[in-house]
Amino acid sequence: MADSDRVFSTQEVNEIDLKGLLILVESQRIQFECQLSTITCNTELRLQKELKKEREQAELRLQKEREERKEELKNERKERKEAFDQLSRECQSLREGLHLRAPPVRA
């Protein structure tokens, strides 16, 4: 009897069906793993992009805050210098006034 003329038993047919199902299930498992891997990679890339954007925004905020603080310090120094200069002029004026009113020094 040739193979093409062979009659399969119900058990053999069921085993062949089960093997086919196992192959189908395994291929679907592999397909789902690939999809999961793709989703995971895409999610990681998206998160990396978001983190990079947030980091850049934070760096810009920090840079702006530093520049603002630098400007504040510059203005504060300028105000202190002006106040110091004003006090120096007032002291000089007072010294000159005292010098004019002071009695002559005797040796």
PDB file of N, CA and C in Angstrom:
ATOM      1  N   MET A   1       0.849  -1.161   0.000  1.00  0.00           N
ATOM      2  CA  MET A   1       0.000   0.000   0.000  1.00  0.00           C
ATOM      3  C   MET A   1       0.899   1.229   0.000  1.00  0.00           C
ATOM      4  N   ALA A   2       0.617   2.204  -0.862  1.00  0.00           N
ATOM      5  CA  ALA A   2       1.405   3.426  -0.963  1.00  0.00           C
ATOM      6  C   ALA A   2       0.966   4.391   0.126  1.00  0.00           C
ATOM      7  N   ASP A   3       1.899   5.355   0.454  1.00  0.00           N
ATOM      8  CA  ASP A   3       1.593   6.331   1.511  1.00  0.00           C
ATOM      9  C   ASP A   3       0.352   7.150   1.172  1.00  0.00           C
ATOM     10  N   SER A   4       0.160   7.468  -0.071  1.00  0.00           N
ATOM     11  CA  SER A   4      -0.984   8.291  -0.443  1.00  0.00           C
ATOM     12  C   SER A   4      -2.298   7.549  -0.261  1.00  0.00           C
ATOM     13  N   ASP A   5      -2.241   6.227  -0.248  1.00  0.00           N
ATOM     14  CA  ASP A   5      -3.439   5.426  -0.072  1.00  0.00           C
ATOM     15  C   ASP A   5      -3.658   5.047   1.393  1.00  0.00           C
ATOM     16  N   ARG A   6      -2.757   5.486   2.277  1.00  0.00           N
ATOM     17  CA  ARG A   6      -2.808   5.078   3.674  1.00  0.00           C
ATOM     18  C   ARG A   6      -4.010   5.721   4.354  1.00  0.00           C
ATOM     19  N   VAL A   7      -4.632   5.016   5.223  1.00  0.00           N
ATOM     20  CA  VAL A   7      -5.760   5.498   6.010  1.00  0.00           C
ATOM     21  C   VAL A   7      -5.246   5.729   7.423  1.00  0.00           C
ATOM     22  N   PHE A   8      -5.499   6.944   7.934  1.00  0.00           N
ATOM     23  CA  PHE A   8      -5.035   7.302   9.279  1.00  0.00           C
ATOM     24  C   PHE A   8      -6.116   7.008  10.295  1.00  0.00           C
ATOM     25  N   SER A   9      -5.662   6.590  11.458  1.00  0.00           N
ATOM     26  CA  SER A   9      -6.620   6.332  12.535  1.00  0.00           C
ATOM     27  C   SER A   9      -7.028   7.661  13.152  1.00  0.00           C
ATOM     28  N   THR A  10      -8.079   7.625  13.911  1.00  0.00           N
ATOM     29  CA  THR A  10      -8.568   8.834  14.584  1.00  0.00           C
ATOM     30  C   THR A  10      -7.502   9.392  15.514  1.00  0.00           C
ATOM     31  N   GLN A  11      -6.787   8.547  16.193  1.00  0.00           N
ATOM     32  CA  GLN A  11      -5.730   8.993  17.105  1.00  0.00           C
ATOM     33  C   GLN A  11      -4.623   9.683  16.321  1.00  0.00           C
ATOM     34  N   GLU A  12      -4.248   9.120  15.179  1.00  0.00           N
ATOM     35  CA  GLU A  12      -3.195   9.737  14.365  1.00  0.00           C
ATOM     36  C   GLU A  12      -3.647  11.096  13.843  1.00  0.00           C
ATOM     37  N   VAL A  13      -4.889  11.176  13.437  1.00  0.00           N
ATOM     38  CA  VAL A  13      -5.433  12.460  12.951  1.00  0.00           C
ATOM     39  C   VAL A  13      -5.432  13.486  14.079  1.00  0.00           C
ATOM     40  N   ASN A  14      -5.839  13.049  15.263  1.00  0.00           N
ATOM     41  CA  ASN A  14      -5.846  13.959  16.421  1.00  0.00           C
ATOM     42  C   ASN A  14      -4.430  14.410  16.773  1.00  0.00           C
ATOM     43  N   GLU A  15      -3.463  13.506  16.710  1.00  0.00           N
ATOM     44  CA  GLU A  15      -2.070  13.875  16.991  1.00  0.00           C
ATOM     45  C   GLU A  15      -1.556  14.883  15.967  1.00  0.00           C
ATOM     46  N   ILE A  16      -1.910  14.657  14.700  1.00  0.00           N
ATOM     47  CA  ILE A  16      -1.494  15.595  13.650  1.00  0.00           C
ATOM     48  C   ILE A  16      -2.139  16.966  13.891  1.00  0.00           C
ATOM     49  N   ASP A  17      -3.418  16.963  14.243  1.00  0.00           N
ATOM     50  CA  ASP A  17      -4.116  18.222  14.551  1.00  0.00           C
ATOM     51  C   ASP A  17      -3.465  18.926  15.741  1.00  0.00           C
ATOM     52  N   LEU A  18      -3.135  18.150  16.780  1.00  0.00           N
ATOM     53  CA  LEU A  18      -2.503  18.744  17.959  1.00  0.00           C
ATOM     54  C   LEU A  18      -1.125  19.329  17.624  1.00  0.00           C
ATOM     55  N   LYS A  19      -0.352  18.617  16.813  1.00  0.00           N
ATOM     56  CA  LYS A  19       0.958  19.126  16.409  1.00  0.00           C
ATOM     57  C   LYS A  19       0.807  20.417  15.612  1.00  0.00           C
ATOM     58  N   GLY A  20      -0.193  20.441  14.749  1.00  0.00           N
ATOM     59  CA  GLY A  20      -0.470  21.662  13.982  1.00  0.00           C
ATOM     60  C   GLY A  20      -0.847  22.815  14.895  1.00  0.00           C
ATOM     61  N   LEU A  21      -1.693  22.522  15.888  1.00  0.00           N
ATOM     62  CA  LEU A  21      -2.093  23.550  16.852  1.00  0.00           C
ATOM     63  C   LEU A  21      -0.890  24.030  17.674  1.00  0.00           C
ATOM     64  N   LEU A  22      -0.033  23.108  18.076  1.00  0.00           N
ATOM     65  CA  LEU A  22       1.158  23.483  18.835  1.00  0.00           C
ATOM     66  C   LEU A  22       2.056  24.411  18.008  1.00  0.00           C
ATOM     67  N   ILE A  23       2.206  24.072  16.745  1.00  0.00           N
ATOM     68  CA  ILE A  23       3.022  24.923  15.861  1.00  0.00           C
ATOM     69  C   ILE A  23       2.382  26.295  15.727  1.00  0.00           C
ATOM     70  N   LEU A  24       1.059  26.337  15.566  1.00  0.00           N
ATOM     71  CA  LEU A  24       0.334  27.605  15.454  1.00  0.00           C
ATOM     72  C   LEU A  24       0.472  28.432  16.729  1.00  0.00           C
ATOM     73  N   VAL A  25       0.287  27.771  17.882  1.00  0.00           N
ATOM     74  CA  VAL A  25       0.398  28.471  19.163  1.00  0.00           C
ATOM     75  C   VAL A  25       1.819  28.995  19.366  1.00  0.00           C
ATOM     76  N   GLU A  26       2.804  28.199  19.023  1.00  0.00           N
ATOM     77  CA  GLU A  26       4.203  28.634  19.171  1.00  0.00           C
ATOM     78  C   GLU A  26       4.502  29.820  18.256  1.00  0.00           C
ATOM     79  N   SER A  27       4.011  29.779  17.041  1.00  0.00           N
ATOM     80  CA  SER A  27       4.254  30.908  16.121  1.00  0.00           C
ATOM     81  C   SER A  27       3.556  32.165  16.627  1.00  0.00           C
ATOM     82  N   GLN A  28       2.349  32.014  17.199  1.00  0.00           N
ATOM     83  CA  GLN A  28       1.652  33.169  17.771  1.00  0.00           C
ATOM     84  C   GLN A  28       2.397  33.708  18.984  1.00  0.00           C
ATOM     85  N   ARG A  29       2.940  32.789  19.806  1.00  0.00           N
ATOM     86  CA  ARG A  29       3.720  33.223  20.970  1.00  0.00           C
ATOM     87  C   ARG A  29       4.922  34.044  20.517  1.00  0.00           C
ATOM     88  N   ILE A  30       5.615  33.564  19.503  1.00  0.00           N
ATOM     89  CA  ILE A  30       6.780  34.285  18.982  1.00  0.00           C
ATOM     90  C   ILE A  30       6.353  35.631  18.413  1.00  0.00           C
ATOM     91  N   GLN A  31       5.231  35.654  17.706  1.00  0.00           N
ATOM     92  CA  GLN A  31       4.726  36.910  17.143  1.00  0.00           C
ATOM     93  C   GLN A  31       4.397  37.898  18.260  1.00  0.00           C
ATOM     94  N   PHE A  32       3.739  37.436  19.316  1.00  0.00           N
ATOM     95  CA  PHE A  32       3.395  38.309  20.442  1.00  0.00           C
ATOM     96  C   PHE A  32       4.647  38.800  21.160  1.00  0.00           C
ATOM     97  N   GLU A  33       5.642  37.955  21.308  1.00  0.00           N
ATOM     98  CA  GLU A  33       6.897  38.376  21.923  1.00  0.00           C
ATOM     99  C   GLU A  33       7.563  39.467  21.091  1.00  0.00           C
ATOM    100  N   CYS A  34       7.518  39.309  19.774  1.00  0.00           N
ATOM    101  CA  CYS A  34       8.083  40.337  18.892  1.00  0.00           C
ATOM    102  C   CYS A  34       7.321  41.647  19.036  1.00  0.00           C
ATOM    103  N   GLN A  35       5.992  41.558  19.088  1.00  0.00           N
ATOM    104  CA  GLN A  35       5.183  42.764  19.264  1.00  0.00           C
ATOM    105  C   GLN A  35       5.472  43.424  20.609  1.00  0.00           C
ATOM    106  N   LEU A  36       5.580  42.600  21.640  1.00  0.00           N
ATOM    107  CA  LEU A  36       5.895  43.131  22.969  1.00  0.00           C
ATOM    108  C   LEU A  36       7.261  43.807  22.967  1.00  0.00           C
ATOM    109  N   SER A  37       8.211  43.185  22.330  1.00  0.00           N
ATOM    110  CA  SER A  37       9.552  43.758  22.238  1.00  0.00           C
ATOM    111  C   SER A  37       9.519  45.094  21.505  1.00  0.00           C
ATOM    112  N   THR A  38       8.764  45.149  20.423  1.00  0.00           N
ATOM    113  CA  THR A  38       8.627  46.392  19.658  1.00  0.00           C
ATOM    114  C   THR A  38       7.970  47.474  20.508  1.00  0.00           C
ATOM    115  N   ILE A  39       6.903  47.096  21.203  1.00  0.00           N
ATOM    116  CA  ILE A  39       6.206  48.065  22.064  1.00  0.00           C
ATOM    117  C   ILE A  39       7.146  48.550  23.161  1.00  0.00           C
ATOM    118  N   THR A  40       7.891  47.634  23.757  1.00  0.00           N
ATOM    119  CA  THR A  40       8.833  48.000  24.822  1.00  0.00           C
ATOM    120  C   THR A  40       9.887  48.961  24.297  1.00  0.00           C
ATOM    121  N   CYS A  41      10.444  48.648  23.119  1.00  0.00           N
ATOM    122  CA  CYS A  41      11.463  49.536  22.534  1.00  0.00           C
ATOM    123  C   CYS A  41      10.885  50.905  22.235  1.00  0.00           C
ATOM    124  N   ASN A  42       9.690  50.926  21.646  1.00  0.00           N
ATOM    125  CA  ASN A  42       9.056  52.205  21.320  1.00  0.00           C
ATOM    126  C   ASN A  42       8.764  53.010  22.578  1.00  0.00           C
ATOM    127  N   THR A  43       8.328  52.317  23.618  1.00  0.00           N
ATOM    128  CA  THR A  43       8.039  52.997  24.883  1.00  0.00           C
ATOM    129  C   THR A  43       9.318  53.570  25.478  1.00  0.00           C
ATOM    130  N   GLU A  44      10.384  52.785  25.460  1.00  0.00           N
ATOM    131  CA  GLU A  44      11.666  53.266  25.996  1.00  0.00           C
ATOM    132  C   GLU A  44      12.162  54.464  25.199  1.00  0.00           C
ATOM    133  N   LEU A  45      12.037  54.410  23.873  1.00  0.00           N
ATOM    134  CA  LEU A  45      12.476  55.537  23.046  1.00  0.00           C
ATOM    135  C   LEU A  45      11.652  56.777  23.356  1.00  0.00           C
ATOM    136  N   ARG A  46      10.345  56.599  23.490  1.00  0.00           N
ATOM    137  CA  ARG A  46       9.472  57.735  23.804  1.00  0.00           C
ATOM    138  C   ARG A  46       9.843  58.320  25.164  1.00  0.00           C
ATOM    139  N   LEU A  47      10.059  57.442  26.145  1.00  0.00           N
ATOM    140  CA  LEU A  47      10.442  57.911  27.479  1.00  0.00           C
ATOM    141  C   LEU A  47      11.790  58.626  27.451  1.00  0.00           C
ATOM    142  N   GLN A  48      12.733  58.093  26.691  1.00  0.00           N
ATOM    143  CA  GLN A  48      14.040  58.747  26.572  1.00  0.00           C
ATOM    144  C   GLN A  48      13.893  60.133  25.965  1.00  0.00           C
ATOM    145  N   LYS A  49      13.059  60.245  24.932  1.00  0.00           N
ATOM    146  CA  LYS A  49      12.833  61.549  24.301  1.00  0.00           C
ATOM    147  C   LYS A  49      12.184  62.516  25.281  1.00  0.00           C
ATOM    148  N   GLU A  50      11.184  62.016  26.033  1.00  0.00           N
ATOM    149  CA  GLU A  50      10.518  62.876  27.014  1.00  0.00           C
ATOM    150  C   GLU A  50      11.495  63.317  28.105  1.00  0.00           C
ATOM    151  N   LEU A  51      12.311  62.383  28.588  1.00  0.00           N
ATOM    152  CA  LEU A  51      13.295  62.729  29.615  1.00  0.00           C
ATOM    153  C   LEU A  51      14.306  63.734  29.090  1.00  0.00           C
ATOM    154  N   LYS A  52      14.742  63.544  27.857  1.00  0.00           N
ATOM    155  CA  LYS A  52      15.696  64.479  27.260  1.00  0.00           C
ATOM    156  C   LYS A  52      15.073  65.867  27.158  1.00  0.00           C
ATOM    157  N   LYS A  53      13.820  65.917  26.727  1.00  0.00           N
ATOM    158  CA  LYS A  53      13.120  67.200  26.613  1.00  0.00           C
ATOM    159  C   LYS A  53      12.978  67.857  27.983  1.00  0.00           C
ATOM    160  N   GLU A  54      12.576  67.077  28.993  1.00  0.00           N
ATOM    161  CA  GLU A  54      12.437  67.616  30.345  1.00  0.00           C
ATOM    162  C   GLU A  54      13.777  68.100  30.887  1.00  0.00           C
ATOM    163  N   ARG A  55      14.841  67.333  30.623  1.00  0.00           N
ATOM    164  CA  ARG A  55      16.175  67.721  31.082  1.00  0.00           C
ATOM    165  C   ARG A  55      16.605  69.029  30.414  1.00  0.00           C
ATOM    166  N   GLU A  56      16.351  69.140  29.111  1.00  0.00           N
ATOM    167  CA  GLU A  56      16.713  70.368  28.403  1.00  0.00           C
ATOM    168  C   GLU A  56      15.929  71.555  28.947  1.00  0.00           C
ATOM    169  N   GLN A  57      14.630  71.341  29.221  1.00  0.00           N
ATOM    170  CA  GLN A  57      13.820  72.424  29.782  1.00  0.00           C
ATOM    171  C   GLN A  57      14.322  72.817  31.169  1.00  0.00           C
ATOM    172  N   ALA A  58      14.683  71.827  31.962  1.00  0.00           N
ATOM    173  CA  ALA A  58      15.205  72.111  33.306  1.00  0.00           C
ATOM    174  C   ALA A  58      16.526  72.865  33.218  1.00  0.00           C
ATOM    175  N   GLU A  59      17.381  72.469  32.281  1.00  0.00           N
ATOM    176  CA  GLU A  59      18.663  73.165  32.101  1.00  0.00           C
ATOM    177  C   GLU A  59      18.439  74.607  31.669  1.00  0.00           C
ATOM    178  N   LEU A  60      17.457  74.819  30.782  1.00  0.00           N
ATOM    179  CA  LEU A  60      17.151  76.190  30.360  1.00  0.00           C
ATOM    180  C   LEU A  60      16.631  77.022  31.528  1.00  0.00           C
ATOM    181  N   ARG A  61      15.756  76.409  32.351  1.00  0.00           N
ATOM    182  CA  ARG A  61      15.249  77.131  33.538  1.00  0.00           C
ATOM    183  C   ARG A  61      16.391  77.483  34.483  1.00  0.00           C
ATOM    184  N   LEU A  62      17.281  76.514  34.713  1.00  0.00           N
ATOM    185  CA  LEU A  62      18.415  76.766  35.603  1.00  0.00           C
ATOM    186  C   LEU A  62      19.312  77.859  35.039  1.00  0.00           C
ATOM    187  N   GLN A  63      19.559  77.805  33.748  1.00  0.00           N
ATOM    188  CA  GLN A  63      20.402  78.814  33.127  1.00  0.00           C
ATOM    189  C   GLN A  63      19.752  80.198  33.262  1.00  0.00           C
ATOM    190  N   LYS A  64      18.442  80.261  33.039  1.00  0.00           N
ATOM    191  CA  LYS A  64      17.726  81.535  33.171  1.00  0.00           C
ATOM    192  C   LYS A  64      17.794  82.035  34.615  1.00  0.00           C
ATOM    193  N   GLU A  65      17.584  81.107  35.574  1.00  0.00           N
ATOM    194  CA  GLU A  65      17.654  81.491  36.985  1.00  0.00           C
ATOM    195  C   GLU A  65      19.054  81.976  37.353  1.00  0.00           C
ATOM    196  N   ARG A  66      20.080  81.288  36.826  1.00  0.00           N
ATOM    197  CA  ARG A  66      21.463  81.729  37.097  1.00  0.00           C
ATOM    198  C   ARG A  66      21.702  83.122  36.547  1.00  0.00           C
ATOM    199  N   GLU A  67      21.228  83.352  35.316  1.00  0.00           N
ATOM    200  CA  GLU A  67      21.417  84.670  34.710  1.00  0.00           C
ATOM    201  C   GLU A  67      20.678  85.746  35.497  1.00  0.00           C
ATOM    202  N   GLU A  68      19.450  85.408  35.948  1.00  0.00           N
ATOM    203  CA  GLU A  68      18.692  86.371  36.744  1.00  0.00           C
ATOM    204  C   GLU A  68      19.422  86.662  38.061  1.00  0.00           C
ATOM    205  N   ARG A  69      19.913  85.609  38.700  1.00  0.00           N
ATOM    206  CA  ARG A  69      20.643  85.781  39.972  1.00  0.00           C
ATOM    207  C   ARG A  69      21.914  86.581  39.746  1.00  0.00           C
ATOM    208  N   LYS A  70      22.593  86.295  38.634  1.00  0.00           N
ATOM    209  CA  LYS A  70      23.814  87.028  38.297  1.00  0.00           C
ATOM    210  C   LYS A  70      23.500  88.518  38.125  1.00  0.00           C
ATOM    211  N   GLU A  71      22.392  88.801  37.446  1.00  0.00           N
ATOM    212  CA  GLU A  71      21.983  90.193  37.241  1.00  0.00           C
ATOM    213  C   GLU A  71      21.611  90.836  38.579  1.00  0.00           C
ATOM    214  N   GLU A  72      20.917  90.088  39.436  1.00  0.00           N
ATOM    215  CA  GLU A  72      20.571  90.610  40.757  1.00  0.00           C
ATOM    216  C   GLU A  72      21.831  90.935  41.553  1.00  0.00           C
ATOM    217  N   LEU A  73      22.805  90.026  41.523  1.00  0.00           N
ATOM    218  CA  LEU A  73      24.058  90.265  42.240  1.00  0.00           C
ATOM    219  C   LEU A  73      24.789  91.476  41.673  1.00  0.00           C
ATOM    220  N   LYS A  74      24.778  91.603  40.368  1.00  0.00           N
ATOM    221  CA  LYS A  74      25.429  92.742  39.721  1.00  0.00           C
ATOM    222  C   LYS A  74      24.770  94.040  40.186  1.00  0.00           C
ATOM    223  N   ASN A  75      23.439  94.061  40.194  1.00  0.00           N
ATOM    224  CA  ASN A  75      22.716  95.254  40.648  1.00  0.00           C
ATOM    225  C   ASN A  75      22.973  95.525  42.128  1.00  0.00           C
ATOM    226  N   GLU A  76      23.012  94.455  42.912  1.00  0.00           N
ATOM    227  CA  GLU A  76      23.267  94.605  44.342  1.00  0.00           C
ATOM    228  C   GLU A  76      24.666  95.186  44.577  1.00  0.00           C
ATOM    229  N   ARG A  77      25.651  94.674  43.847  1.00  0.00           N
ATOM    230  CA  ARG A  77      27.014  95.213  43.967  1.00  0.00           C
ATOM    231  C   ARG A  77      27.056  96.688  43.575  1.00  0.00           C
ATOM    232  N   LYS A  78      26.343  97.004  42.498  1.00  0.00           N
ATOM    233  CA  LYS A  78      26.315  98.393  42.032  1.00  0.00           C
ATOM    234  C   LYS A  78      25.692  99.293  43.107  1.00  0.00           C
ATOM    235  N   GLU A  79      24.589  98.830  43.698  1.00  0.00           N
ATOM    236  CA  GLU A  79      23.932  99.619  44.751  1.00  0.00           C
ATOM    237  C   GLU A  79      24.852  99.785  45.965  1.00  0.00           C
ATOM    238  N   ARG A  80      25.532  98.687  46.347  1.00  0.00           N
ATOM    239  CA  ARG A  80      26.456  98.774  47.483  1.00  0.00           C
ATOM    240  C   ARG A  80      27.610  99.721  47.196  1.00  0.00           C
ATOM    241  N   LYS A  81      28.126  99.662  45.978  1.00  0.00           N
ATOM    242  CA  LYS A  81      29.228 100.554  45.606  1.00  0.00           C
ATOM    243  C   LYS A  81      28.765 102.005  45.652  1.00  0.00           C
ATOM    244  N   GLU A  82      27.561 102.253  45.116  1.00  0.00           N
ATOM    245  CA  GLU A  82      27.033 103.618  45.148  1.00  0.00           C
ATOM    246  C   GLU A  82      26.833 104.083  46.596  1.00  0.00           C
ATOM    247  N   ALA A  83      26.317 103.184  47.450  1.00  0.00           N
ATOM    248  CA  ALA A  83      26.120 103.540  48.862  1.00  0.00           C
ATOM    249  C   ALA A  83      27.464 103.790  49.535  1.00  0.00           C
ATOM    250  N   PHE A  84      28.453 102.943  49.234  1.00  0.00           N
ATOM    251  CA  PHE A  84      29.788 103.124  49.803  1.00  0.00           C
ATOM    252  C   PHE A  84      30.389 104.450  49.340  1.00  0.00           C
ATOM    253  N   ASP A  85      30.263 104.732  48.051  1.00  0.00           N
ATOM    254  CA  ASP A  85      30.781 106.000  47.521  1.00  0.00           C
ATOM    255  C   ASP A  85      30.090 107.190  48.173  1.00  0.00           C
ATOM    256  N   GLN A  86      28.771 107.065  48.362  1.00  0.00           N
ATOM    257  CA  GLN A  86      28.028 108.149  49.012  1.00  0.00           C
ATOM    258  C   GLN A  86      28.513 108.343  50.445  1.00  0.00           C
ATOM    259  N   LEU A  87      28.705 107.231  51.162  1.00  0.00           N
ATOM    260  CA  LEU A  87      29.207 107.329  52.538  1.00  0.00           C
ATOM    261  C   LEU A  87      30.614 107.921  52.559  1.00  0.00           C
ATOM    262  N   SER A  88      31.441 107.521  51.595  1.00  0.00           N
ATOM    263  CA  SER A  88      32.799 108.067  51.525  1.00  0.00           C
ATOM    264  C   SER A  88      32.764 109.575  51.312  1.00  0.00           C
ATOM    265  N   ARG A  89      31.876 110.028  50.416  1.00  0.00           N
ATOM    266  CA  ARG A  89      31.774 111.477  50.169  1.00  0.00           C
ATOM    267  C   ARG A  89      31.287 112.206  51.413  1.00  0.00           C
ATOM    268  N   GLU A  90      30.298 111.609  52.083  1.00  0.00           N
ATOM    269  CA  GLU A  90      29.779 112.239  53.308  1.00  0.00           C
ATOM    270  C   GLU A  90      30.853 112.292  54.385  1.00  0.00           C
ATOM    271  N   CYS A  91      31.612 111.212  54.532  1.00  0.00           N
ATOM    272  CA  CYS A  91      32.690 111.202  55.520  1.00  0.00           C
ATOM    273  C   CYS A  91      33.740 112.250  55.184  1.00  0.00           C
ATOM    274  N   GLN A  92      34.088 112.326  53.908  1.00  0.00           N
ATOM    275  CA  GLN A  92      35.082 113.321  53.473  1.00  0.00           C
ATOM    276  C   GLN A  92      34.565 114.721  53.762  1.00  0.00           C
ATOM    277  N   SER A  93      33.298 114.944  53.496  1.00  0.00           N
ATOM    278  CA  SER A  93      32.707 116.253  53.757  1.00  0.00           C
ATOM    279  C   SER A  93      32.732 116.564  55.254  1.00  0.00           C
ATOM    280  N   LEU A  94      32.410 115.567  56.066  1.00  0.00           N
ATOM    281  CA  LEU A  94      32.440 115.770  57.518  1.00  0.00           C
ATOM    282  C   LEU A  94      33.863 116.035  58.000  1.00  0.00           C
ATOM    283  N   ARG A  95      34.842 115.311  57.469  1.00  0.00           N
ATOM    284  CA  ARG A  95      36.238 115.544  57.855  1.00  0.00           C
ATOM    285  C   ARG A  95      36.661 116.960  57.500  1.00  0.00           C
ATOM    286  N   GLU A  96      36.257 117.394  56.298  1.00  0.00           N
ATOM    287  CA  GLU A  96      36.626 118.760  55.895  1.00  0.00           C
ATOM    288  C   GLU A  96      35.969 119.776  56.805  1.00  0.00           C
ATOM    289  N   GLY A  97      34.716 119.511  57.197  1.00  0.00           N
ATOM    290  CA  GLY A  97      34.006 120.427  58.100  1.00  0.00           C
ATOM    291  C   GLY A  97      34.667 120.462  59.472  1.00  0.00           C
ATOM    292  N   LEU A  98      35.084 119.306  59.963  1.00  0.00           N
ATOM    293  CA  LEU A  98      35.759 119.249  61.256  1.00  0.00           C
ATOM    294  C   LEU A  98      37.111 119.943  61.183  1.00  0.00           C
ATOM    295  N   HIS A  99      37.792 119.766  60.095  1.00  0.00           N
ATOM    296  CA  HIS A  99      39.105 120.370  59.915  1.00  0.00           C
ATOM    297  C   HIS A  99      38.994 121.900  59.930  1.00  0.00           C
ATOM    298  N   LEU A 100      37.938 122.409  59.329  1.00  0.00           N
ATOM    299  CA  LEU A 100      37.765 123.867  59.299  1.00  0.00           C
ATOM    300  C   LEU A 100      37.383 124.398  60.670  1.00  0.00           C
ATOM    301  N   ARG A 101      36.656 123.643  61.484  1.00  0.00           N
ATOM    302  CA  ARG A 101      36.207 124.111  62.790  1.00  0.00           C
ATOM    303  C   ARG A 101      37.195 123.799  63.908  1.00  0.00           C
ATOM    304  N   ALA A 102      38.094 122.884  63.691  1.00  0.00           N
ATOM    305  CA  ALA A 102      39.011 122.461  64.745  1.00  0.00           C
ATOM    306  C   ALA A 102      40.027 123.577  65.052  1.00  0.00           C
ATOM    307  N   PRO A 103      40.363 123.703  66.340  1.00  0.00           N
ATOM    308  CA  PRO A 103      41.388 124.695  66.689  1.00  0.00           C
ATOM    309  C   PRO A 103      42.747 124.219  66.167  1.00  0.00           C
ATOM    310  N   PRO A 104      43.634 125.132  65.949  1.00  0.00           N
ATOM    311  CA  PRO A 104      44.939 124.738  65.432  1.00  0.00           C
ATOM    312  C   PRO A 104      45.653 123.800  66.421  1.00  0.00           C
ATOM    313  N   VAL A 105      46.370 122.887  65.899  1.00  0.00           N
ATOM    314  CA  VAL A 105      47.087 121.909  66.709  1.00  0.00           C
ATOM    315  C   VAL A 105      48.352 122.571  67.226  1.00  0.00           C
ATOM    316  N   ARG A 106      48.608 122.454  68.520  1.00  0.00           N
ATOM    317  CA  ARG A 106      49.848 123.015  69.087  1.00  0.00           C
ATOM    318  C   ARG A 106      50.819 121.909  69.323  1.00  0.00           C
ATOM    319  N   ALA A 107      52.016 122.187  69.007  1.00  0.00           N
ATOM    320  CA  ALA A 107      53.056 121.188  69.186  1.00  0.00           C
ATOM    321  C   ALA A 107      53.753 121.326  70.504  1.00  0.00           C
TER     322      ALA A 107
END
